[in-house]
Amino acid sequence: FSKLGQTWWLNFRKRQEKNITIQPADSVVRGRTACVRTEAVDQFFRLLNSVTNTHGLRDKPHQIYSCSETSFQLGRKK
């Protein structure tokens, strides 16, 4: 692959103008981004590392599931 040229974005927009829309960032997303601190991210990954080591999950990624307050995903959709 080659590097993107200076006019790549303009040409892409012209080719895809019916398929894409440009929207301003959601204020909630901006707020969440502003709240993320390096220390909090580092602490999360230290805790994740500790938990995966404690429970022997390093060699068992199939036993790690994605959860949030709105969903529980057991498998990937293709």
PDB file of N, CA and C in Angstrom:
ATOM      1  N   PHE A   1       0.832  -1.182   0.000  1.00  0.00           N
ATOM      2  CA  PHE A   1       0.000   0.000   0.000  1.00  0.00           C
ATOM      3  C   PHE A   1       0.874   1.242   0.000  1.00  0.00           C
ATOM      4  N   SER A   2       0.363   2.276  -0.610  1.00  0.00           N
ATOM      5  CA  SER A   2       1.090   3.540  -0.592  1.00  0.00           C
ATOM      6  C   SER A   2       0.422   4.494   0.401  1.00  0.00           C
ATOM      7  N   LYS A   3       1.128   5.560   0.741  1.00  0.00           N
ATOM      8  CA  LYS A   3       0.583   6.559   1.657  1.00  0.00           C
ATOM      9  C   LYS A   3      -0.558   7.312   0.985  1.00  0.00           C
ATOM     10  N   LEU A   4      -1.464   7.800   1.800  1.00  0.00           N
ATOM     11  CA  LEU A   4      -2.568   8.588   1.274  1.00  0.00           C
ATOM     12  C   LEU A   4      -2.062   9.956   0.852  1.00  0.00           C
ATOM     13  N   GLY A   5      -2.505  10.401  -0.304  1.00  0.00           N
ATOM     14  CA  GLY A   5      -2.103  11.710  -0.798  1.00  0.00           C
ATOM     15  C   GLY A   5      -2.896  12.824  -0.139  1.00  0.00           C
ATOM     16  N   GLN A   6      -2.513  14.050  -0.423  1.00  0.00           N
ATOM     17  CA  GLN A   6      -3.154  15.215   0.186  1.00  0.00           C
ATOM     18  C   GLN A   6      -4.608  15.367  -0.240  1.00  0.00           C
ATOM     19  N   THR A   7      -4.963  14.870  -1.398  1.00  0.00           N
ATOM     20  CA  THR A   7      -6.335  15.031  -1.883  1.00  0.00           C
ATOM     21  C   THR A   7      -7.181  13.772  -1.701  1.00  0.00           C
ATOM     22  N   TRP A   8      -6.652  12.779  -1.012  1.00  0.00           N
ATOM     23  CA  TRP A   8      -7.377  11.520  -0.849  1.00  0.00           C
ATOM     24  C   TRP A   8      -8.761  11.740  -0.257  1.00  0.00           C
ATOM     25  N   TRP A   9      -8.859  12.475   0.853  1.00  0.00           N
ATOM     26  CA  TRP A   9     -10.145  12.677   1.515  1.00  0.00           C
ATOM     27  C   TRP A   9     -11.145  13.371   0.592  1.00  0.00           C
ATOM     28  N   LEU A  10     -10.702  14.389  -0.121  1.00  0.00           N
ATOM     29  CA  LEU A  10     -11.608  15.106  -1.021  1.00  0.00           C
ATOM     30  C   LEU A  10     -12.119  14.194  -2.129  1.00  0.00           C
ATOM     31  N   ASN A  11     -11.237  13.419  -2.714  1.00  0.00           N
ATOM     32  CA  ASN A  11     -11.640  12.496  -3.776  1.00  0.00           C
ATOM     33  C   ASN A  11     -12.555  11.394  -3.244  1.00  0.00           C
ATOM     34  N   PHE A  12     -12.264  10.882  -2.060  1.00  0.00           N
ATOM     35  CA  PHE A  12     -13.100   9.856  -1.441  1.00  0.00           C
ATOM     36  C   PHE A  12     -14.511  10.397  -1.210  1.00  0.00           C
ATOM     37  N   ARG A  13     -14.607  11.618  -0.683  1.00  0.00           N
ATOM     38  CA  ARG A  13     -15.925  12.223  -0.442  1.00  0.00           C
ATOM     39  C   ARG A  13     -16.708  12.389  -1.739  1.00  0.00           C
ATOM     40  N   LYS A  14     -16.031  12.781  -2.800  1.00  0.00           N
ATOM     41  CA  LYS A  14     -16.718  12.934  -4.085  1.00  0.00           C
ATOM     42  C   LYS A  14     -17.258  11.595  -4.578  1.00  0.00           C
ATOM     43  N   ARG A  15     -16.447  10.546  -4.461  1.00  0.00           N
ATOM     44  CA  ARG A  15     -16.864   9.220  -4.924  1.00  0.00           C
ATOM     45  C   ARG A  15     -17.990   8.640  -4.073  1.00  0.00           C
ATOM     46  N   GLN A  16     -17.999   8.948  -2.801  1.00  0.00           N
ATOM     47  CA  GLN A  16     -18.926   8.316  -1.863  1.00  0.00           C
ATOM     48  C   GLN A  16     -19.996   9.257  -1.315  1.00  0.00           C
ATOM     49  N   GLU A  17     -20.211  10.393  -1.946  1.00  0.00           N
ATOM     50  CA  GLU A  17     -21.089  11.403  -1.347  1.00  0.00           C
ATOM     51  C   GLU A  17     -22.500  10.902  -1.068  1.00  0.00           C
ATOM     52  N   LYS A  18     -22.992   9.925  -1.804  1.00  0.00           N
ATOM     53  CA  LYS A  18     -24.332   9.397  -1.543  1.00  0.00           C
ATOM     54  C   LYS A  18     -24.320   8.348  -0.433  1.00  0.00           C
ATOM     55  N   ASN A  19     -23.164   7.830  -0.092  1.00  0.00           N
ATOM     56  CA  ASN A  19     -23.063   6.745   0.885  1.00  0.00           C
ATOM     57  C   ASN A  19     -22.626   7.185   2.274  1.00  0.00           C
ATOM     58  N   ILE A  20     -22.078   8.385   2.399  1.00  0.00           N
ATOM     59  CA  ILE A  20     -21.582   8.817   3.708  1.00  0.00           C
ATOM     60  C   ILE A  20     -22.176  10.170   4.085  1.00  0.00           C
ATOM     61  N   THR A  21     -22.233  10.402   5.373  1.00  0.00           N
ATOM     62  CA  THR A  21     -22.630  11.709   5.882  1.00  0.00           C
ATOM     63  C   THR A  21     -21.619  12.126   6.935  1.00  0.00           C
ATOM     64  N   ILE A  22     -21.402  13.400   7.047  1.00  0.00           N
ATOM     65  CA  ILE A  22     -20.493  13.922   8.061  1.00  0.00           C
ATOM     66  C   ILE A  22     -21.350  14.579   9.128  1.00  0.00           C
ATOM     67  N   GLN A  23     -21.158  14.133  10.359  1.00  0.00           N
ATOM     68  CA  GLN A  23     -21.963  14.641  11.461  1.00  0.00           C
ATOM     69  C   GLN A  23     -21.055  15.132  12.569  1.00  0.00           C
ATOM     70  N   PRO A  24     -21.499  16.147  13.297  1.00  0.00           N
ATOM     71  CA  PRO A  24     -20.689  16.618  14.434  1.00  0.00           C
ATOM     72  C   PRO A  24     -20.653  15.553  15.524  1.00  0.00           C
ATOM     73  N   ALA A  25     -19.598  15.557  16.307  1.00  0.00           N
ATOM     74  CA  ALA A  25     -19.464  14.591  17.395  1.00  0.00           C
ATOM     75  C   ALA A  25     -20.564  14.808  18.420  1.00  0.00           C
ATOM     76  N   ASP A  26     -21.058  13.720  18.953  1.00  0.00           N
ATOM     77  CA  ASP A  26     -22.084  13.762  19.990  1.00  0.00           C
ATOM     78  C   ASP A  26     -21.491  14.348  21.264  1.00  0.00           C
ATOM     79  N   SER A  27     -22.243  15.202  21.942  1.00  0.00           N
ATOM     80  CA  SER A  27     -21.717  15.839  23.151  1.00  0.00           C
ATOM     81  C   SER A  27     -21.408  14.822  24.239  1.00  0.00           C
ATOM     82  N   VAL A  28     -22.145  13.704  24.283  1.00  0.00           N
ATOM     83  CA  VAL A  28     -21.862  12.664  25.270  1.00  0.00           C
ATOM     84  C   VAL A  28     -20.496  12.049  24.993  1.00  0.00           C
ATOM     85  N   VAL A  29     -20.211  11.790  23.733  1.00  0.00           N
ATOM     86  CA  VAL A  29     -18.914  11.216  23.366  1.00  0.00           C
ATOM     87  C   VAL A  29     -17.799  12.185  23.725  1.00  0.00           C
ATOM     88  N   ARG A  30     -17.988  13.463  23.439  1.00  0.00           N
ATOM     89  CA  ARG A  30     -16.970  14.455  23.797  1.00  0.00           C
ATOM     90  C   ARG A  30     -16.761  14.492  25.300  1.00  0.00           C
ATOM     91  N   GLY A  31     -17.847  14.411  26.061  1.00  0.00           N
ATOM     92  CA  GLY A  31     -17.747  14.423  27.518  1.00  0.00           C
ATOM     93  C   GLY A  31     -17.000  13.219  28.055  1.00  0.00           C
ATOM     94  N   ARG A  32     -17.283  12.055  27.494  1.00  0.00           N
ATOM     95  CA  ARG A  32     -16.581  10.845  27.929  1.00  0.00           C
ATOM     96  C   ARG A  32     -15.100  10.930  27.594  1.00  0.00           C
ATOM     97  N   THR A  33     -14.799  11.452  26.436  1.00  0.00           N
ATOM     98  CA  THR A  33     -13.405  11.584  26.030  1.00  0.00           C
ATOM     99  C   THR A  33     -12.656  12.511  26.972  1.00  0.00           C
ATOM    100  N   ALA A  34     -13.294  13.584  27.366  1.00  0.00           N
ATOM    101  CA  ALA A  34     -12.649  14.543  28.260  1.00  0.00           C
ATOM    102  C   ALA A  34     -12.401  13.951  29.641  1.00  0.00           C
ATOM    103  N   CYS A  35     -13.220  12.980  30.041  1.00  0.00           N
ATOM    104  CA  CYS A  35     -13.098  12.388  31.381  1.00  0.00           C
ATOM    105  C   CYS A  35     -12.047  11.286  31.460  1.00  0.00           C
ATOM    106  N   VAL A  36     -11.596  10.793  30.335  1.00  0.00           N
ATOM    107  CA  VAL A  36     -10.624   9.701  30.349  1.00  0.00           C
ATOM    108  C   VAL A  36      -9.255  10.253  30.724  1.00  0.00           C
ATOM    109  N   ARG A  37      -8.732   9.732  31.805  1.00  0.00           N
ATOM    110  CA  ARG A  37      -7.413  10.141  32.267  1.00  0.00           C
ATOM    111  C   ARG A  37      -6.449   8.976  32.070  1.00  0.00           C
ATOM    112  N   THR A  38      -5.211   9.288  31.812  1.00  0.00           N
ATOM    113  CA  THR A  38      -4.189   8.262  31.621  1.00  0.00           C
ATOM    114  C   THR A  38      -4.113   7.346  32.828  1.00  0.00           C
ATOM    115  N   GLU A  39      -4.225   7.911  34.021  1.00  0.00           N
ATOM    116  CA  GLU A  39      -4.134   7.104  35.244  1.00  0.00           C
ATOM    117  C   GLU A  39      -5.260   6.081  35.307  1.00  0.00           C
ATOM    118  N   ALA A  40      -6.476   6.475  34.922  1.00  0.00           N
ATOM    119  CA  ALA A  40      -7.619   5.563  34.959  1.00  0.00           C
ATOM    120  C   ALA A  40      -7.444   4.429  33.957  1.00  0.00           C
ATOM    121  N   VAL A  41      -6.956   4.751  32.774  1.00  0.00           N
ATOM    122  CA  VAL A  41      -6.727   3.724  31.756  1.00  0.00           C
ATOM    123  C   VAL A  41      -5.635   2.767  32.215  1.00  0.00           C
ATOM    124  N   ASP A  42      -4.546   3.302  32.754  1.00  0.00           N
ATOM    125  CA  ASP A  42      -3.465   2.453  33.269  1.00  0.00           C
ATOM    126  C   ASP A  42      -3.961   1.543  34.379  1.00  0.00           C
ATOM    127  N   GLN A  43      -4.769   2.087  35.287  1.00  0.00           N
ATOM    128  CA  GLN A  43      -5.301   1.290  36.392  1.00  0.00           C
ATOM    129  C   GLN A  43      -6.191   0.168  35.861  1.00  0.00           C
ATOM    130  N   PHE A  44      -7.019   0.457  34.861  1.00  0.00           N
ATOM    131  CA  PHE A  44      -7.878  -0.566  34.268  1.00  0.00           C
ATOM    132  C   PHE A  44      -7.050  -1.720  33.715  1.00  0.00           C
ATOM    133  N   PHE A  45      -5.996  -1.405  32.954  1.00  0.00           N
ATOM    134  CA  PHE A  45      -5.206  -2.467  32.345  1.00  0.00           C
ATOM    135  C   PHE A  45      -4.364  -3.224  33.370  1.00  0.00           C
ATOM    136  N   ARG A  46      -3.948  -2.567  34.445  1.00  0.00           N
ATOM    137  CA  ARG A  46      -3.268  -3.291  35.528  1.00  0.00           C
ATOM    138  C   ARG A  46      -4.227  -4.290  36.177  1.00  0.00           C
ATOM    139  N   LEU A  47      -5.460  -3.852  36.434  1.00  0.00           N
ATOM    140  CA  LEU A  47      -6.464  -4.736  37.021  1.00  0.00           C
ATOM    141  C   LEU A  47      -6.801  -5.880  36.069  1.00  0.00           C
ATOM    142  N   LEU A  48      -6.973  -5.583  34.802  1.00  0.00           N
ATOM    143  CA  LEU A  48      -7.256  -6.619  33.808  1.00  0.00           C
ATOM    144  C   LEU A  48      -6.136  -7.646  33.768  1.00  0.00           C
ATOM    145  N   ASN A  49      -4.898  -7.189  33.775  1.00  0.00           N
ATOM    146  CA  ASN A  49      -3.742  -8.080  33.775  1.00  0.00           C
ATOM    147  C   ASN A  49      -3.749  -8.968  35.017  1.00  0.00           C
ATOM    148  N   SER A  50      -4.038  -8.378  36.166  1.00  0.00           N
ATOM    149  CA  SER A  50      -4.077  -9.127  37.419  1.00  0.00           C
ATOM    150  C   SER A  50      -5.162 -10.205  37.392  1.00  0.00           C
ATOM    151  N   VAL A  51      -6.347  -9.848  36.939  1.00  0.00           N
ATOM    152  CA  VAL A  51      -7.465 -10.800  36.907  1.00  0.00           C
ATOM    153  C   VAL A  51      -7.196 -11.934  35.921  1.00  0.00           C
ATOM    154  N   THR A  52      -6.702 -11.604  34.735  1.00  0.00           N
ATOM    155  CA  THR A  52      -6.437 -12.664  33.755  1.00  0.00           C
ATOM    156  C   THR A  52      -5.335 -13.597  34.230  1.00  0.00           C
ATOM    157  N   ASN A  53      -4.344 -13.079  34.938  1.00  0.00           N
ATOM    158  CA  ASN A  53      -3.291 -13.938  35.490  1.00  0.00           C
ATOM    159  C   ASN A  53      -3.808 -14.778  36.650  1.00  0.00           C
ATOM    160  N   THR A  54      -4.559 -14.167  37.564  1.00  0.00           N
ATOM    161  CA  THR A  54      -5.078 -14.869  38.741  1.00  0.00           C
ATOM    162  C   THR A  54      -5.966 -16.046  38.349  1.00  0.00           C
ATOM    163  N   HIS A  55      -6.772 -15.868  37.328  1.00  0.00           N
ATOM    164  CA  HIS A  55      -7.726 -16.902  36.926  1.00  0.00           C
ATOM    165  C   HIS A  55      -7.238 -17.747  35.751  1.00  0.00           C
ATOM    166  N   GLY A  56      -5.980 -17.601  35.384  1.00  0.00           N
ATOM    167  CA  GLY A  56      -5.404 -18.418  34.318  1.00  0.00           C
ATOM    168  C   GLY A  56      -6.071 -18.234  32.969  1.00  0.00           C
ATOM    169  N   LEU A  57      -6.456 -17.011  32.657  1.00  0.00           N
ATOM    170  CA  LEU A  57      -7.168 -16.754  31.407  1.00  0.00           C
ATOM    171  C   LEU A  57      -6.261 -16.349  30.252  1.00  0.00           C
ATOM    172  N   ARG A  58      -4.991 -16.203  30.500  1.00  0.00           N
ATOM    173  CA  ARG A  58      -4.066 -15.804  29.421  1.00  0.00           C
ATOM    174  C   ARG A  58      -4.098 -16.806  28.266  1.00  0.00           C
ATOM    175  N   ASP A  59      -4.186 -18.083  28.594  1.00  0.00           N
ATOM    176  CA  ASP A  59      -4.189 -19.108  27.550  1.00  0.00           C
ATOM    177  C   ASP A  59      -5.598 -19.618  27.260  1.00  0.00           C
ATOM    178  N   LYS A  60      -6.631 -18.899  27.739  1.00  0.00           N
ATOM    179  CA  LYS A  60      -8.023 -19.304  27.519  1.00  0.00           C
ATOM    180  C   LYS A  60      -8.873 -18.107  27.076  1.00  0.00           C
ATOM    181  N   PRO A  61      -8.518 -17.460  25.982  1.00  0.00           N
ATOM    182  CA  PRO A  61      -9.280 -16.276  25.572  1.00  0.00           C
ATOM    183  C   PRO A  61     -10.739 -16.594  25.247  1.00  0.00           C
ATOM    184  N   HIS A  62     -11.039 -17.853  24.935  1.00  0.00           N
ATOM    185  CA  HIS A  62     -12.418 -18.240  24.631  1.00  0.00           C
ATOM    186  C   HIS A  62     -13.317 -18.164  25.867  1.00  0.00           C
ATOM    187  N   GLN A  63     -12.737 -18.002  27.053  1.00  0.00           N
ATOM    188  CA  GLN A  63     -13.524 -17.898  28.280  1.00  0.00           C
ATOM    189  C   GLN A  63     -13.704 -16.446  28.738  1.00  0.00           C
ATOM    190  N   ILE A  64     -13.300 -15.501  27.921  1.00  0.00           N
ATOM    191  CA  ILE A  64     -13.454 -14.086  28.247  1.00  0.00           C
ATOM    192  C   ILE A  64     -14.631 -13.545  27.441  1.00  0.00           C
ATOM    193  N   TYR A  65     -15.586 -12.935  28.132  1.00  0.00           N
ATOM    194  CA  TYR A  65     -16.799 -12.435  27.498  1.00  0.00           C
ATOM    195  C   TYR A  65     -16.885 -10.918  27.626  1.00  0.00           C
ATOM    196  N   SER A  66     -17.575 -10.312  26.694  1.00  0.00           N
ATOM    197  CA  SER A  66     -17.783  -8.867  26.714  1.00  0.00           C
ATOM    198  C   SER A  66     -19.127  -8.568  27.371  1.00  0.00           C
ATOM    199  N   CYS A  67     -19.113  -7.746  28.414  1.00  0.00           N
ATOM    200  CA  CYS A  67     -20.348  -7.386  29.123  1.00  0.00           C
ATOM    201  C   CYS A  67     -20.412  -5.879  29.316  1.00  0.00           C
ATOM    202  N   SER A  68     -21.617  -5.360  29.319  1.00  0.00           N
ATOM    203  CA  SER A  68     -21.830  -3.963  29.686  1.00  0.00           C
ATOM    204  C   SER A  68     -23.181  -3.866  30.368  1.00  0.00           C
ATOM    205  N   GLU A  69     -23.542  -2.684  30.785  1.00  0.00           N
ATOM    206  CA  GLU A  69     -24.823  -2.529  31.460  1.00  0.00           C
ATOM    207  C   GLU A  69     -25.999  -2.658  30.502  1.00  0.00           C
ATOM    208  N   THR A  70     -25.739  -2.675  29.193  1.00  0.00           N
ATOM    209  CA  THR A  70     -26.831  -2.748  28.224  1.00  0.00           C
ATOM    210  C   THR A  70     -26.870  -4.041  27.430  1.00  0.00           C
ATOM    211  N   SER A  71     -25.817  -4.849  27.494  1.00  0.00           N
ATOM    212  CA  SER A  71     -25.829  -6.075  26.693  1.00  0.00           C
ATOM    213  C   SER A  71     -24.876  -7.114  27.266  1.00  0.00           C
ATOM    214  N   PHE A  72     -25.038  -8.326  26.773  1.00  0.00           N
ATOM    215  CA  PHE A  72     -24.167  -9.433  27.143  1.00  0.00           C
ATOM    216  C   PHE A  72     -23.937 -10.239  25.881  1.00  0.00           C
ATOM    217  N   GLN A  73     -22.751 -10.185  25.336  1.00  0.00           N
ATOM    218  CA  GLN A  73     -22.459 -10.798  24.054  1.00  0.00           C
ATOM    219  C   GLN A  73     -21.747 -12.121  24.265  1.00  0.00           C
ATOM    220  N   LEU A  74     -22.352 -13.210  23.775  1.00  0.00           N
ATOM    221  CA  LEU A  74     -21.750 -14.529  23.910  1.00  0.00           C
ATOM    222  C   LEU A  74     -20.915 -14.912  22.700  1.00  0.00           C
ATOM    223  N   GLY A  75     -21.243 -14.414  21.551  1.00  0.00           N
ATOM    224  CA  GLY A  75     -20.499 -14.765  20.348  1.00  0.00           C
ATOM    225  C   GLY A  75     -20.455 -13.606  19.388  1.00  0.00           C
ATOM    226  N   ARG A  76     -19.652 -13.758  18.367  1.00  0.00           N
ATOM    227  CA  ARG A  76     -19.529 -12.705  17.360  1.00  0.00           C
ATOM    228  C   ARG A  76     -20.528 -12.944  16.244  1.00  0.00           C
ATOM    229  N   LYS A  77     -21.078 -11.868  15.738  1.00  0.00           N
ATOM    230  CA  LYS A  77     -21.925 -11.962  14.553  1.00  0.00           C
ATOM    231  C   LYS A  77     -21.057 -11.664  13.351  1.00  0.00           C
ATOM    232  N   LYS A  78     -21.215 -12.432  12.327  1.00  0.00           N
ATOM    233  CA  LYS A  78     -20.405 -12.218  11.130  1.00  0.00           C
ATOM    234  C   LYS A  78     -21.149 -11.393  10.127  1.00  0.00           C
TER     235      LYS A  78
END
